[in-house]
Amino acid sequence: MGRPFRSVLYGWCRQLKGHGHPMMWAANYVAFPVSPGQSCRLYLSPTGDLLLQDDANRLAWSTNTAGMGVSSLTLLDTGNLILQTGGGSVVWQSFDQTPIFHLVTGMNFRPSMTMISAADVPGATSLVNAPGYYAMHMDNLEYWQIFFSSSIGLCGNPTNCAGFSLCNDTNNQCMCPEGFVQNGAGCELQTGFKCGKARAESYKILAVNVSFYPQLSPVIVGSVRECSLLCARSCSCKAALFDPDTSSCSTFTSLGTLKVKKDSDQLLLLKVGIEGGSSHNRAMIIGVSCSVAVFLLCACCCIVLAVLRKRRKEKFKKFVENTKTVIVKNITKMRKPKTSESKT
């Protein structure tokens, strides 16, 4: 649970890796009913109402749970602040309040809820995409509505250009990265590639200096090379964002608009198909196939010749044996005496 700061009651979560203590929820985000400089206190009343009061005991905020059987106040490891009955039923929880600033495990985004990236609370800057420029709302029909502050500029809006587009902050013009071509409003790969054993020969990693806000749940890596390898190991990864200041790497299957900034250390890493890479692979496959075919043909010829030679040898042997048999019969016949002549 956070401390009262200018009468704002807010909660943070310690388990989001790489983000310190990001704010998740604020009880009275818009209004500041307690004057600056006054002290305030948060306590659970005997009737089961969680109250925020100023030093004159004036009510600044409450959960309105009096008389609902609340007996305990608990802050879970997930960052969810809950009011429970003696039987363990949850009467009120911070995860159901709006607006919220982070989506974390166990939190349900319900109709009529809003998530914003807040910057108005000192010391509680959210790390959801940008500080104070974005909002996401779900209406009662469960349709998503996304809002962007005009103060971020056109290039700061990730939907300003289509997918995999770069935005020039000087003239707000959209353009395609190297290796991509315009396709309608968006950009697509000029040369496609397949993911497999030969993937390293069919694409390259293109690095572009860009500017982006901290991403949610990145992977901590030691270098830009490790970030490139992280994307290369995944067939679904089409791009990655690397921030050397935080050693963070975030991979994406698709990407919106990114602001080009030549003097930025932040990098966009794109998988770009190599022209002729597929042809080279096909040539290798054809060459290997031809070699295998020639080998098999030679093997077949050798087998046929061996069979013919064996048959010829067997035929000649049989001929010799037959000839011997005939000669022996003739000699035997010649040596046998005639019976009639002997009697005379």
Foldseek 3Di string as FASTA:
>chain_A
DDDQDLNKDWWWACPFPLPGTATWFIQCVPDRPEHPPWAWDWDQDPQGKIFIATPVRHTDGIPPCGNVQFDDWDQDNQGKIFTAHPVGDTPDIRLPDPDTADDTPPRDQAAAHKHFQDDPRPPNGGQAFDGGFKMWHQHPVRDIDIGGHCVCPLLSDLASAFWQWEAERVVRDIDHDPQWDDDPRHIDGPADAAQDPLRVLFWDKDKAAFDTTDHGRFDADDDVVVLVVVQSVDRQFFKWKADPVSSTIDTDSIGGYIYGDRPHPIIMIGIHTDVCSVVVVVVVVVVVVVVVVVVVVVVVVVVVVVVVVVVVVVVVVVVVVVVVVVVVVVVVVVPDDDPVVVVD
